[in-house]
Amino acid sequence: MISVLYVPCGNREEAESISHKLIEEQLIACANIIPASDSLYVWEGMLEQTQESILLVKTSPEYRGKVMQRIEELHSYSCPCIIEWKIESVNPAYAAWVQESLKTTPKPESL
């Protein structure tokens, strides 16, 4: 099985930076970045409307906690949204690739 985390970021550069770090640390198999998303929300009593980049990361369920912790450490927001989507089914070959990628990701010096 795999775990997918949804993480809005302040901009594309932040999403890329977090993705690179998580891949270098062998915590995720891959990341997708949706470069532009309009977000509306109430923060500290004020209606906010901003543009964010959406980061989707794929990992194994046993890595989920460490991935969430690292995202909190790397993220610019004081209260980042990190949501796990429960995956009910997945292409078995893709799930195997995710598991294998976490074992064989090149070390940072070779990236």
N, C-alpha and C. Protein backbone atom coordinates (compact mmCIF):
# COMPACT_ATOMS: atom_id res chain seq x y z
N MET A 1 0.85 -1.18 0.00
CA MET A 1 0.00 0.00 0.00
C MET A 1 0.89 1.24 0.00
N ILE A 2 0.32 2.37 -0.36
CA ILE A 2 1.06 3.64 -0.35
C ILE A 2 0.29 4.69 0.43
N SER A 3 1.00 5.72 0.81
CA SER A 3 0.42 6.87 1.50
C SER A 3 0.64 8.09 0.61
N VAL A 4 -0.40 8.88 0.42
CA VAL A 4 -0.32 10.12 -0.36
C VAL A 4 -0.63 11.28 0.57
N LEU A 5 0.27 12.26 0.60
CA LEU A 5 0.08 13.44 1.43
C LEU A 5 -0.15 14.66 0.55
N TYR A 6 -1.14 15.46 0.94
CA TYR A 6 -1.51 16.70 0.27
C TYR A 6 -0.96 17.86 1.10
N VAL A 7 -0.15 18.74 0.47
CA VAL A 7 0.51 19.81 1.21
C VAL A 7 0.50 21.11 0.38
N PRO A 8 -0.36 22.08 0.70
CA PRO A 8 -0.27 23.38 0.03
C PRO A 8 1.01 24.10 0.49
N CYS A 9 1.68 24.74 -0.46
CA CYS A 9 2.92 25.47 -0.18
C CYS A 9 2.78 26.91 -0.65
N GLY A 10 3.59 27.78 -0.10
CA GLY A 10 3.52 29.20 -0.42
C GLY A 10 3.79 29.52 -1.87
N ASN A 11 4.60 28.69 -2.54
CA ASN A 11 4.90 28.90 -3.95
C ASN A 11 5.58 27.64 -4.50
N ARG A 12 5.79 27.65 -5.80
CA ARG A 12 6.39 26.49 -6.47
C ARG A 12 7.79 26.19 -5.93
N GLU A 13 8.58 27.23 -5.69
CA GLU A 13 9.95 27.03 -5.22
C GLU A 13 9.96 26.29 -3.88
N GLU A 14 9.05 26.66 -2.99
CA GLU A 14 8.99 25.98 -1.70
C GLU A 14 8.59 24.52 -1.89
N ALA A 15 7.62 24.26 -2.74
CA ALA A 15 7.19 22.88 -3.01
C ALA A 15 8.35 22.06 -3.58
N GLU A 16 9.11 22.66 -4.51
CA GLU A 16 10.26 21.97 -5.09
C GLU A 16 11.34 21.71 -4.05
N SER A 17 11.60 22.69 -3.21
CA SER A 17 12.62 22.55 -2.18
C SER A 17 12.28 21.42 -1.20
N ILE A 18 11.04 21.40 -0.75
CA ILE A 18 10.60 20.34 0.16
C ILE A 18 10.69 18.99 -0.52
N SER A 19 10.25 18.92 -1.78
CA SER A 19 10.29 17.66 -2.53
C SER A 19 11.72 17.13 -2.65
N HIS A 20 12.63 18.01 -3.06
CA HIS A 20 14.03 17.58 -3.22
C HIS A 20 14.59 17.03 -1.91
N LYS A 21 14.32 17.73 -0.82
CA LYS A 21 14.84 17.31 0.48
C LYS A 21 14.29 15.94 0.87
N LEU A 22 12.99 15.74 0.70
CA LEU A 22 12.37 14.47 1.07
C LEU A 22 12.87 13.31 0.21
N ILE A 23 13.11 13.58 -1.07
CA ILE A 23 13.66 12.54 -1.95
C ILE A 23 15.11 12.25 -1.56
N GLU A 24 15.91 13.28 -1.33
CA GLU A 24 17.30 13.09 -0.92
C GLU A 24 17.40 12.29 0.37
N GLU A 25 16.46 12.50 1.28
CA GLU A 25 16.47 11.79 2.56
C GLU A 25 15.79 10.42 2.47
N GLN A 26 15.42 10.02 1.27
CA GLN A 26 14.80 8.72 1.01
C GLN A 26 13.50 8.52 1.81
N LEU A 27 12.74 9.59 1.96
CA LEU A 27 11.48 9.51 2.70
C LEU A 27 10.26 9.39 1.79
N ILE A 28 10.40 9.83 0.53
CA ILE A 28 9.31 9.71 -0.43
C ILE A 28 9.84 9.10 -1.72
N ALA A 29 8.93 8.48 -2.47
CA ALA A 29 9.30 7.92 -3.76
C ALA A 29 9.21 8.97 -4.86
N CYS A 30 8.21 9.83 -4.78
CA CYS A 30 8.06 10.88 -5.78
C CYS A 30 7.14 11.98 -5.26
N ALA A 31 7.15 13.07 -6.00
CA ALA A 31 6.30 14.21 -5.66
C ALA A 31 5.71 14.79 -6.94
N ASN A 32 4.52 15.31 -6.83
CA ASN A 32 3.90 16.06 -7.91
C ASN A 32 3.63 17.46 -7.39
N ILE A 33 3.86 18.44 -8.24
CA ILE A 33 3.61 19.83 -7.87
C ILE A 33 2.59 20.41 -8.84
N ILE A 34 1.49 20.86 -8.29
CA ILE A 34 0.51 21.60 -9.06
C ILE A 34 0.86 23.06 -8.83
N PRO A 35 1.37 23.74 -9.85
CA PRO A 35 2.01 25.03 -9.62
C PRO A 35 1.12 26.17 -9.12
N ALA A 36 -0.17 26.16 -9.44
CA ALA A 36 -1.00 27.30 -9.03
C ALA A 36 -2.39 26.86 -8.60
N SER A 37 -2.74 27.27 -7.40
CA SER A 37 -4.06 26.97 -6.85
C SER A 37 -4.52 28.19 -6.05
N ASP A 38 -5.74 28.63 -6.29
CA ASP A 38 -6.29 29.73 -5.51
C ASP A 38 -6.86 29.18 -4.21
N SER A 39 -6.47 29.76 -3.10
CA SER A 39 -6.92 29.31 -1.79
C SER A 39 -7.65 30.44 -1.07
N LEU A 40 -8.80 30.11 -0.50
CA LEU A 40 -9.56 31.05 0.31
C LEU A 40 -9.75 30.42 1.68
N TYR A 41 -9.50 31.19 2.75
CA TYR A 41 -9.59 30.65 4.10
C TYR A 41 -9.61 31.80 5.10
N VAL A 42 -10.01 31.49 6.30
CA VAL A 42 -9.98 32.48 7.38
C VAL A 42 -8.75 32.17 8.23
N TRP A 43 -7.90 33.18 8.42
CA TRP A 43 -6.70 33.04 9.24
C TRP A 43 -6.64 34.20 10.20
N GLU A 44 -6.60 33.89 11.50
CA GLU A 44 -6.55 34.91 12.54
C GLU A 44 -7.68 35.94 12.38
N GLY A 45 -8.89 35.42 12.06
CA GLY A 45 -10.07 36.25 11.98
C GLY A 45 -10.25 37.02 10.68
N MET A 46 -9.33 36.88 9.75
CA MET A 46 -9.41 37.62 8.49
C MET A 46 -9.58 36.66 7.33
N LEU A 47 -10.45 37.05 6.38
CA LEU A 47 -10.61 36.27 5.15
C LEU A 47 -9.38 36.50 4.28
N GLU A 48 -8.73 35.43 3.91
CA GLU A 48 -7.53 35.50 3.08
C GLU A 48 -7.80 34.85 1.74
N GLN A 49 -7.18 35.37 0.70
CA GLN A 49 -7.20 34.74 -0.62
C GLN A 49 -5.79 34.83 -1.15
N THR A 50 -5.18 33.65 -1.38
CA THR A 50 -3.81 33.60 -1.84
C THR A 50 -3.67 32.57 -2.94
N GLN A 51 -2.54 32.61 -3.60
CA GLN A 51 -2.22 31.58 -4.56
C GLN A 51 -1.13 30.71 -3.94
N GLU A 52 -1.34 29.41 -4.00
CA GLU A 52 -0.40 28.45 -3.44
C GLU A 52 -0.05 27.42 -4.51
N SER A 53 1.00 26.65 -4.25
CA SER A 53 1.32 25.49 -5.06
C SER A 53 1.00 24.26 -4.23
N ILE A 54 0.43 23.26 -4.87
CA ILE A 54 0.03 22.04 -4.17
C ILE A 54 1.09 20.98 -4.37
N LEU A 55 1.56 20.43 -3.28
CA LEU A 55 2.54 19.35 -3.29
C LEU A 55 1.84 18.06 -2.91
N LEU A 56 1.98 17.04 -3.75
CA LEU A 56 1.47 15.70 -3.46
C LEU A 56 2.68 14.78 -3.38
N VAL A 57 2.84 14.10 -2.26
CA VAL A 57 3.98 13.19 -2.11
C VAL A 57 3.49 11.77 -1.89
N LYS A 58 4.26 10.83 -2.44
CA LYS A 58 3.93 9.41 -2.28
C LYS A 58 5.02 8.71 -1.51
N THR A 59 4.60 7.97 -0.50
CA THR A 59 5.52 7.26 0.36
C THR A 59 4.84 5.99 0.85
N SER A 60 5.50 5.28 1.72
CA SER A 60 4.88 4.10 2.32
C SER A 60 4.25 4.52 3.65
N PRO A 61 3.21 3.81 4.09
CA PRO A 61 2.56 4.18 5.35
C PRO A 61 3.52 4.22 6.54
N GLU A 62 4.53 3.37 6.56
CA GLU A 62 5.46 3.37 7.69
C GLU A 62 6.36 4.60 7.72
N TYR A 63 6.50 5.31 6.61
CA TYR A 63 7.30 6.53 6.55
C TYR A 63 6.46 7.79 6.81
N ARG A 64 5.15 7.66 6.79
CA ARG A 64 4.23 8.80 6.86
C ARG A 64 4.55 9.76 8.02
N GLY A 65 4.74 9.25 9.20
CA GLY A 65 5.00 10.11 10.36
C GLY A 65 6.27 10.93 10.21
N LYS A 66 7.33 10.30 9.74
CA LYS A 66 8.60 11.01 9.54
C LYS A 66 8.47 12.05 8.43
N VAL A 67 7.75 11.69 7.36
CA VAL A 67 7.53 12.64 6.26
C VAL A 67 6.77 13.86 6.77
N MET A 68 5.72 13.64 7.53
CA MET A 68 4.94 14.75 8.07
C MET A 68 5.80 15.63 8.98
N GLN A 69 6.62 15.02 9.80
CA GLN A 69 7.52 15.76 10.69
C GLN A 69 8.50 16.62 9.89
N ARG A 70 9.10 16.04 8.85
CA ARG A 70 10.07 16.79 8.04
C ARG A 70 9.39 17.93 7.29
N ILE A 71 8.17 17.69 6.78
CA ILE A 71 7.46 18.77 6.09
C ILE A 71 7.23 19.93 7.06
N GLU A 72 6.80 19.62 8.28
CA GLU A 72 6.60 20.69 9.27
C GLU A 72 7.89 21.47 9.52
N GLU A 73 9.03 20.76 9.57
CA GLU A 73 10.32 21.42 9.81
C GLU A 73 10.74 22.29 8.62
N LEU A 74 10.43 21.85 7.40
CA LEU A 74 10.89 22.52 6.19
C LEU A 74 9.94 23.60 5.68
N HIS A 75 8.69 23.54 6.08
CA HIS A 75 7.64 24.41 5.54
C HIS A 75 7.72 25.81 6.13
N SER A 76 7.36 26.80 5.32
CA SER A 76 7.41 28.19 5.79
C SER A 76 6.21 28.59 6.63
N TYR A 77 5.11 27.85 6.54
CA TYR A 77 3.91 28.20 7.30
C TYR A 77 4.05 27.78 8.76
N SER A 78 3.49 28.56 9.67
CA SER A 78 3.54 28.19 11.09
C SER A 78 2.60 27.02 11.39
N CYS A 79 1.60 26.82 10.54
CA CYS A 79 0.64 25.73 10.71
C CYS A 79 0.35 25.12 9.34
N PRO A 80 1.31 24.37 8.77
CA PRO A 80 1.09 23.84 7.42
C PRO A 80 -0.01 22.77 7.38
N CYS A 81 -0.76 22.78 6.32
CA CYS A 81 -1.76 21.74 6.07
C CYS A 81 -1.02 20.52 5.53
N ILE A 82 -1.12 19.42 6.23
CA ILE A 82 -0.55 18.16 5.77
C ILE A 82 -1.64 17.11 5.97
N ILE A 83 -2.23 16.69 4.88
CA ILE A 83 -3.36 15.76 4.95
C ILE A 83 -3.00 14.47 4.23
N GLU A 84 -3.24 13.36 4.90
CA GLU A 84 -3.03 12.06 4.23
C GLU A 84 -4.34 11.64 3.58
N TRP A 85 -4.24 11.25 2.32
CA TRP A 85 -5.38 10.67 1.63
C TRP A 85 -5.28 9.17 1.77
N LYS A 86 -6.32 8.55 2.26
CA LYS A 86 -6.36 7.09 2.38
C LYS A 86 -6.55 6.51 0.98
N ILE A 87 -5.67 5.65 0.60
CA ILE A 87 -5.71 5.01 -0.70
C ILE A 87 -6.36 3.64 -0.55
N GLU A 88 -7.50 3.48 -1.20
CA GLU A 88 -8.22 2.21 -1.08
C GLU A 88 -7.72 1.16 -2.05
N SER A 89 -7.23 1.60 -3.19
CA SER A 89 -6.65 0.65 -4.13
C SER A 89 -5.59 1.38 -4.95
N VAL A 90 -4.65 0.59 -5.45
CA VAL A 90 -3.55 1.15 -6.22
C VAL A 90 -3.06 0.09 -7.20
N ASN A 91 -2.58 0.53 -8.31
CA ASN A 91 -1.96 -0.37 -9.27
C ASN A 91 -0.83 -1.11 -8.54
N PRO A 92 -0.88 -2.43 -8.44
CA PRO A 92 0.13 -3.17 -7.68
C PRO A 92 1.56 -2.89 -8.14
N ALA A 93 1.75 -2.73 -9.43
CA ALA A 93 3.11 -2.45 -9.93
C ALA A 93 3.59 -1.08 -9.44
N TYR A 94 2.68 -0.11 -9.39
CA TYR A 94 3.06 1.22 -8.89
C TYR A 94 3.40 1.16 -7.41
N ALA A 95 2.58 0.47 -6.63
CA ALA A 95 2.84 0.32 -5.19
C ALA A 95 4.20 -0.34 -4.97
N ALA A 96 4.53 -1.34 -5.77
CA ALA A 96 5.83 -2.01 -5.65
C ALA A 96 6.96 -1.05 -6.00
N TRP A 97 6.73 -0.21 -7.04
CA TRP A 97 7.74 0.77 -7.41
C TRP A 97 7.99 1.76 -6.28
N VAL A 98 6.92 2.23 -5.62
CA VAL A 98 7.08 3.15 -4.49
C VAL A 98 7.94 2.51 -3.41
N GLN A 99 7.61 1.29 -3.05
CA GLN A 99 8.38 0.59 -2.01
C GLN A 99 9.84 0.43 -2.42
N GLU A 100 10.06 0.02 -3.66
CA GLU A 100 11.43 -0.19 -4.13
C GLU A 100 12.20 1.13 -4.22
N SER A 101 11.52 2.20 -4.63
CA SER A 101 12.18 3.51 -4.73
C SER A 101 12.69 4.00 -3.40
N LEU A 102 11.95 3.72 -2.34
CA LEU A 102 12.37 4.16 -1.02
C LEU A 102 13.63 3.44 -0.57
N LYS A 103 13.89 2.28 -1.14
CA LYS A 103 15.09 1.51 -0.78
C LYS A 103 16.28 1.87 -1.66
N THR A 104 16.00 2.39 -2.87
CA THR A 104 17.08 2.56 -3.84
C THR A 104 17.30 4.00 -4.28
N THR A 105 16.69 4.96 -3.64
CA THR A 105 16.88 6.36 -4.02
C THR A 105 18.36 6.72 -3.90
N PRO A 106 18.92 7.36 -4.93
CA PRO A 106 20.34 7.73 -4.86
C PRO A 106 20.63 8.65 -3.68
N LYS A 107 21.79 8.52 -3.13
CA LYS A 107 22.21 9.41 -2.05
C LYS A 107 22.35 10.83 -2.60
N PRO A 108 22.18 11.86 -1.75
CA PRO A 108 22.19 13.26 -2.22
C PRO A 108 23.39 13.63 -3.06
N GLU A 109 24.57 13.12 -2.76
CA GLU A 109 25.76 13.51 -3.49
C GLU A 109 25.73 13.06 -4.95
N SER A 110 24.86 12.08 -5.28
CA SER A 110 24.80 11.60 -6.66
C SER A 110 23.64 12.21 -7.42
N LEU A 111 22.85 13.08 -6.79
CA LEU A 111 21.72 13.71 -7.48
C LEU A 111 22.19 14.91 -8.29
